[in-house]
C-alpha atoms as a PDB file:
ATOM      1  CA  MET A   1     170.272-171.556  34.093  1.00  0.00           C
ATOM      2  CA  ARG A   2     167.558-169.218  35.277  1.00  0.00           C
ATOM      3  CA  PRO A   3     167.017-167.140  32.137  1.00  0.00           C
ATOM      4  CA  SER A   4     165.538-170.244  30.513  1.00  0.00           C
ATOM      5  CA  ASP A   5     162.618-169.602  32.886  1.00  0.00           C
ATOM      6  CA  LEU A   6     162.153-166.071  31.532  1.00  0.00           C
ATOM      7  CA  VAL A   7     158.507-165.402  30.738  1.00  0.00           C
ATOM      8  CA  VAL A   8     157.843-162.561  28.306  1.00  0.00           C
ATOM      9  CA  LEU A   9     154.704-160.786  29.463  1.00  0.00           C
ATOM     10  CA  ALA A  10     154.399-157.840  27.079  1.00  0.00           C
ATOM     11  CA  VAL A  11     156.122-156.656  23.923  1.00  0.00           C
ATOM     12  CA  ASP A  12     155.453-153.860  21.490  1.00  0.00           C
ATOM     13  CA  SER A  13     157.570-151.417  19.493  1.00  0.00           C
ATOM     14  CA  ASP A  14     158.229-149.287  22.588  1.00  0.00           C
ATOM     15  CA  HIS A  15     158.874-151.767  25.403  1.00  0.00           C
ATOM     16  CA  ALA A  16     159.276-155.364  26.514  1.00  0.00           C
ATOM     17  CA  ILE A  17     158.494-156.753  29.958  1.00  0.00           C
ATOM     18  CA  ALA A  18     159.519-160.153  31.321  1.00  0.00           C
ATOM     19  CA  ARG A  19     159.771-161.965  34.628  1.00  0.00           C
ATOM     20  CA  CYS A  20     162.039-164.732  35.826  1.00  0.00           C
ATOM     21  CA  GLU A  21     161.528-165.901  39.395  1.00  0.00           C
ATOM     22  CA  ASN A  22     161.931-162.789  41.585  1.00  0.00           C
ATOM     23  CA  LEU A  23     163.329-160.594  38.807  1.00  0.00           C
ATOM     24  CA  ILE A  24     161.403-158.273  36.503  1.00  0.00           C
ATOM     25  CA  VAL A  25     163.189-157.059  33.370  1.00  0.00           C
ATOM     26  CA  VAL A  26     161.946-154.079  31.359  1.00  0.00           C
ATOM     27  CA  LEU A  27     163.412-152.824  28.097  1.00  0.00           C
ATOM     28  CA  TRP A  28     162.481-149.324  26.991  1.00  0.00           C
ATOM     29  CA  ILE A  29     162.958-149.448  23.213  1.00  0.00           C
ATOM     30  CA  ARG A  30     161.684-146.182  21.743  1.00  0.00           C
ATOM     31  CA  GLU A  31     159.193-144.259  23.887  1.00  0.00           C
ATOM     32  CA  THR A  32     158.345-144.671  27.554  1.00  0.00           C
ATOM     33  CA  ARG A  33     154.563-144.641  27.637  1.00  0.00           C
ATOM     34  CA  PRO A  34     152.566-144.164  30.866  1.00  0.00           C
ATOM     35  CA  ASP A  35     150.386-147.222  30.177  1.00  0.00           C
ATOM     36  CA  ALA A  36     153.500-149.420  29.948  1.00  0.00           C
ATOM     37  CA  VAL A  37     154.877-147.965  33.182  1.00  0.00           C
ATOM     38  CA  HIS A  38     151.545-148.715  34.891  1.00  0.00           C
ATOM     39  CA  ARG A  39     151.748-152.292  33.568  1.00  0.00           C
ATOM     40  CA  VAL A  40     155.197-152.664  35.160  1.00  0.00           C
ATOM     41  CA  GLY A  41     153.800-151.396  38.467  1.00  0.00           C
ATOM     42  CA  GLU A  42     150.949-153.897  38.351  1.00  0.00           C
ATOM     43  CA  LEU A  43     153.425-156.686  37.657  1.00  0.00           C
ATOM     44  CA  VAL A  44     155.646-155.640  40.573  1.00  0.00           C
ATOM     45  CA  ARG A  45     152.733-155.665  42.999  1.00  0.00           C
ATOM     46  CA  SER A  46     151.215-158.909  41.672  1.00  0.00           C
ATOM     47  CA  SER A  47     154.620-160.637  41.751  1.00  0.00           C
ATOM     48  CA  ARG A  48     154.920-159.829  45.447  1.00  0.00           C
ATOM     49  CA  LYS A  49     151.471-161.297  46.106  1.00  0.00           C
ATOM     50  CA  GLU A  50     152.000-164.388  43.930  1.00  0.00           C
ATOM     51  CA  ARG A  51     155.504-165.246  45.101  1.00  0.00           C
ATOM     52  CA  GLY A  52     155.286-164.018  48.676  1.00  0.00           C
ATOM     53  CA  GLU A  53     158.716-162.434  48.399  1.00  0.00           C
ATOM     54  CA  LEU A  54     160.253-159.150  47.385  1.00  0.00           C
ATOM     55  CA  CYS A  55     161.449-158.940  43.805  1.00  0.00           C
ATOM     56  CA  GLY A  56     164.065-156.962  41.930  1.00  0.00           C
ATOM     57  CA  LEU A  57     163.481-154.688  38.963  1.00  0.00           C
ATOM     58  CA  ILE A  58     165.945-153.870  36.224  1.00  0.00           C
ATOM     59  CA  GLN A  59     164.935-151.375  33.555  1.00  0.00           C
ATOM     60  CA  VAL A  60     167.136-150.836  30.516  1.00  0.00           C
ATOM     61  CA  ALA A  61     166.754-147.835  28.219  1.00  0.00           C
ATOM     62  CA  LEU A  62     168.073-149.096  24.902  1.00  0.00           C
ATOM     63  CA  PRO A  63     170.329-146.833  22.824  1.00  0.00           C
ATOM     64  CA  GLY A  64     168.184-144.317  20.991  1.00  0.00           C
ATOM     65  CA  ALA A  65     165.228-144.547  23.381  1.00  0.00           C
ATOM     66  CA  ALA A  66     163.569-141.171  23.827  1.00  0.00           C
ATOM     67  CA  ASN A  67     163.640-139.400  27.169  1.00  0.00           C
ATOM     68  CA  PRO A  68     160.298-139.882  28.938  1.00  0.00           C
ATOM     69  CA  GLU A  69     157.763-137.106  28.454  1.00  0.00           C
ATOM     70  CA  GLN A  70     156.008-135.483  31.423  1.00  0.00           C
ATOM     71  CA  ALA A  71     153.172-138.026  31.729  1.00  0.00           C
ATOM     72  CA  ALA A  72     155.653-140.906  31.598  1.00  0.00           C
ATOM     73  CA  ARG A  73     157.908-139.229  34.174  1.00  0.00           C
ATOM     74  CA  GLU A  74     154.945-138.881  36.514  1.00  0.00           C
ATOM     75  CA  ALA A  75     154.067-142.545  35.946  1.00  0.00           C
ATOM     76  CA  LEU A  76     157.674-143.543  36.712  1.00  0.00           C
ATOM     77  CA  ILE A  77     157.571-141.580  39.968  1.00  0.00           C
ATOM     78  CA  GLN A  78     154.318-143.326  40.869  1.00  0.00           C
ATOM     79  CA  LEU A  79     155.841-146.706  39.949  1.00  0.00           C
ATOM     80  CA  VAL A  80     158.705-146.158  42.371  1.00  0.00           C
ATOM     81  CA  ARG A  81     156.395-144.861  45.121  1.00  0.00           C
ATOM     82  CA  SER A  82     153.893-147.695  44.781  1.00  0.00           C
ATOM     83  CA  SER A  83     156.588-150.392  44.735  1.00  0.00           C
ATOM     84  CA  LYS A  84     157.589-149.907  48.355  1.00  0.00           C
ATOM     85  CA  GLY A  85     156.929-153.207  50.103  1.00  0.00           C
ATOM     86  CA  SER A  86     157.134-155.119  46.815  1.00  0.00           C
ATOM     87  CA  LEU A  87     160.649-154.383  45.556  1.00  0.00           C
ATOM     88  CA  VAL A  88     163.887-155.160  47.328  1.00  0.00           C
ATOM     89  CA  ALA A  89     165.831-153.019  44.827  1.00  0.00           C
ATOM     90  CA  SER A  90     165.551-151.347  41.450  1.00  0.00           C
ATOM     91  CA  ALA A  91     168.254-150.652  38.880  1.00  0.00           C
ATOM     92  CA  VAL A  92     167.926-148.463  35.810  1.00  0.00           C
ATOM     93  CA  VAL A  93     170.430-148.753  32.977  1.00  0.00           C
ATOM     94  CA  TYR A  94     170.739-145.555  30.977  1.00  0.00           C
ATOM     95  CA  PRO A  95     173.706-146.199  28.676  1.00  0.00           C
ATOM     96  CA  GLY A  96     176.054-143.819  26.987  1.00  0.00           C
ATOM     97  CA  GLU A  97     179.039-141.631  27.616  1.00  0.00           C
ATOM     98  CA  GLY A  98     179.642-137.949  27.825  1.00  0.00           C
ATOM     99  CA  PHE A  99     178.049-134.980  29.490  1.00  0.00           C
ATOM    100  CA  LEU A 100     174.572-135.362  27.955  1.00  0.00           C
ATOM    101  CA  MET A 101     174.256-138.982  29.033  1.00  0.00           C
ATOM    102  CA  ALA A 102     175.546-138.194  32.514  1.00  0.00           C
ATOM    103  CA  ALA A 103     172.945-135.418  32.704  1.00  0.00           C
ATOM    104  CA  ALA A 104     170.234-137.843  31.568  1.00  0.00           C
ATOM    105  CA  ARG A 105     171.255-140.333  34.285  1.00  0.00           C
ATOM    106  CA  ALA A 106     171.194-137.515  36.837  1.00  0.00           C
ATOM    107  CA  PHE A 107     167.679-136.667  35.689  1.00  0.00           C
ATOM    108  CA  VAL A 108     166.566-140.292  36.114  1.00  0.00           C
ATOM    109  CA  SER A 109     168.186-140.333  39.565  1.00  0.00           C
ATOM    110  CA  GLY A 110     166.251-137.165  40.399  1.00  0.00           C
ATOM    111  CA  ILE A 111     162.995-138.964  39.644  1.00  0.00           C
ATOM    112  CA  ALA A 112     163.912-141.517  42.300  1.00  0.00           C
ATOM    113  CA  MET A 113     164.710-138.802  44.814  1.00  0.00           C
ATOM    114  CA  LEU A 114     161.279-137.256  44.250  1.00  0.00           C
ATOM    115  CA  ALA A 115     159.604-140.633  44.696  1.00  0.00           C
ATOM    116  CA  ARG A 116     161.426-141.572  47.938  1.00  0.00           C
ATOM    117  CA  PRO A 117     161.137-145.286  47.246  1.00  0.00           C
ATOM    118  CA  GLY A 118     162.095-146.825  50.585  1.00  0.00           C
ATOM    119  CA  PHE A 119     164.343-149.346  48.797  1.00  0.00           C
ATOM    120  CA  PRO A 120     167.645-148.984  46.930  1.00  0.00           C
ATOM    121  CA  HIS A 121     167.061-147.496  43.479  1.00  0.00           C
ATOM    122  CA  LEU A 122     170.114-146.572  41.410  1.00  0.00           C
ATOM    123  CA  VAL A 123     170.930-145.566  37.834  1.00  0.00           C
ATOM    124  CA  PHE A 124     173.885-147.086  35.976  1.00  0.00           C
ATOM    125  CA  PRO A 125     175.627-146.446  32.645  1.00  0.00           C
ATOM    126  CA  THR A 126     175.999-150.174  31.839  1.00  0.00           C
ATOM    127  CA  ARG A 127     174.049-153.339  32.454  1.00  0.00           C
ATOM    128  CA  THR A 128     177.219-154.960  33.812  1.00  0.00           C
ATOM    129  CA  GLU A 129     177.419-152.427  36.650  1.00  0.00           C
ATOM    130  CA  ALA A 130     173.690-152.696  37.318  1.00  0.00           C
ATOM    131  CA  ALA A 131     173.787-156.507  37.326  1.00  0.00           C
ATOM    132  CA  ASP A 132     176.764-156.583  39.675  1.00  0.00           C
ATOM    133  CA  TRP A 133     175.003-154.266  42.126  1.00  0.00           C
ATOM    134  CA  LEU A 134     171.588-155.948  41.887  1.00  0.00           C
ATOM    135  CA  SER A 135     173.023-159.451  42.270  1.00  0.00           C
ATOM    136  CA  ARG A 136     174.349-158.471  45.686  1.00  0.00           C
ATOM    137  CA  ILE A 137     170.899-157.309  46.844  1.00  0.00           C
ATOM    138  CA  LEU A 138     168.355-159.765  45.399  1.00  0.00           C
ATOM    139  CA  PRO A 139     167.234-162.294  48.002  1.00  0.00           C
ATOM    140  CA  LEU A 140     167.665-166.033  47.760  1.00  0.00           C
ATOM    141  CA  THR A 141     165.167-167.535  45.342  1.00  0.00           C
ATOM    142  CA  GLY A 142     164.844-170.941  43.777  1.00  0.00           C
ATOM    143  CA  GLY A 143     167.471-172.227  46.199  1.00  0.00           C
ATOM    144  CA  SER A 144     170.219-169.843  45.122  1.00  0.00           C
ATOM    145  CA  TYR A 145     171.194-166.223  44.709  1.00  0.00           C
ATOM    146  CA  TRP A 146     171.305-164.444  41.360  1.00  0.00           C
ATOM    147  CA  THR A 147     174.732-163.882  39.852  1.00  0.00           C
ATOM    148  CA  ALA A 148     175.588-160.846  37.748  1.00  0.00           C
ATOM    149  CA  ARG A 149     176.105-163.197  34.789  1.00  0.00           C
ATOM    150  CA  GLU A 150     172.571-164.604  35.201  1.00  0.00           C
ATOM    151  CA  LEU A 151     171.089-161.110  35.357  1.00  0.00           C
ATOM    152  CA  ILE A 152     172.883-160.124  32.152  1.00  0.00           C
ATOM    153  CA  ALA A 153     171.739-163.382  30.530  1.00  0.00           C
ATOM    154  CA  ALA A 154     168.123-162.530  31.411  1.00  0.00           C
ATOM    155  CA  ILE A 155     168.470-159.134  29.717  1.00  0.00           C
ATOM    156  CA  ASP A 156     170.154-160.751  26.697  1.00  0.00           C
ATOM    157  CA  GLN A 157     167.453-163.368  26.399  1.00  0.00           C
ATOM    158  CA  LEU A 158     164.725-160.729  26.360  1.00  0.00           C
ATOM    159  CA  LEU A 159     166.694-158.725  23.784  1.00  0.00           C
ATOM    160  CA  ASP A 160     167.123-161.845  21.643  1.00  0.00           C
ATOM    161  CA  ARG A 161     163.429-162.684  21.795  1.00  0.00           C
ATOM    162  CA  ILE A 162     162.298-159.252  20.645  1.00  0.00           C
ATOM    163  CA  ALA A 163     165.123-158.837  18.096  1.00  0.00           C
ATOM    164  CA  ILE A 164     163.599-161.721  16.120  1.00  0.00           C
ATOM    165  CA  THR A 165     160.644-159.537  15.136  1.00  0.00           C
ATOM    166  CA  ASP A 166     162.052-156.025  15.572  1.00  0.00           C
ATOM    167  CA  PRO A 167     164.877-155.101  13.162  1.00  0.00           C
ATOM    168  CA  HIS A 168     165.535-151.922  15.167  1.00  0.00           C
ATOM    169  CA  VAL A 169     166.355-153.931  18.279  1.00  0.00           C
ATOM    170  CA  ALA A 170     168.364-156.469  16.261  1.00  0.00           C
ATOM    171  CA  SER A 171     170.601-153.640  14.985  1.00  0.00           C
ATOM    172  CA  LEU A 172     171.364-152.166  18.412  1.00  0.00           C
ATOM    173  CA  PRO A 173     174.714-152.750  20.089  1.00  0.00           C
ATOM    174  CA  ARG A 174     174.653-154.722  23.338  1.00  0.00           C
ATOM    175  CA  ILE A 175     175.352-152.282  26.131  1.00  0.00           C
END
């Protein structure tokens, strides 16, 4: 199974970043910091150069993560803009129900509209919906296509790895 190949590249109290083949997984835990967003952008571009293929990006805002402040929003716009030619697609999971969460997802979608990415970039309320969509877009890699189940397993594996040392993450419900 692919998630066994997941390589964790960065972890701190605010985020975790991992890569598995042509997939980059980012968890936003507490705050979205501009330096972490820049790190994701560097990884996207270097993955394209190293692998010679477009990759997919899935970002998950964990329950309780703060909305990005202005500097982080600007960094996110730049991430989307600078990823053209490196990403085949990008999914953002911003979980939750109700008007406020729908408004937050609309805000995140607005960031993408400002950035004009040149590749599909959508916001979803659940990782299941995001994984289903992204699995239909990611190109063949390692001799096979990604399944939605494998994408969810990659997210779960990253969550499991950081939950070992972060009680906050260990206490969160799986979205």
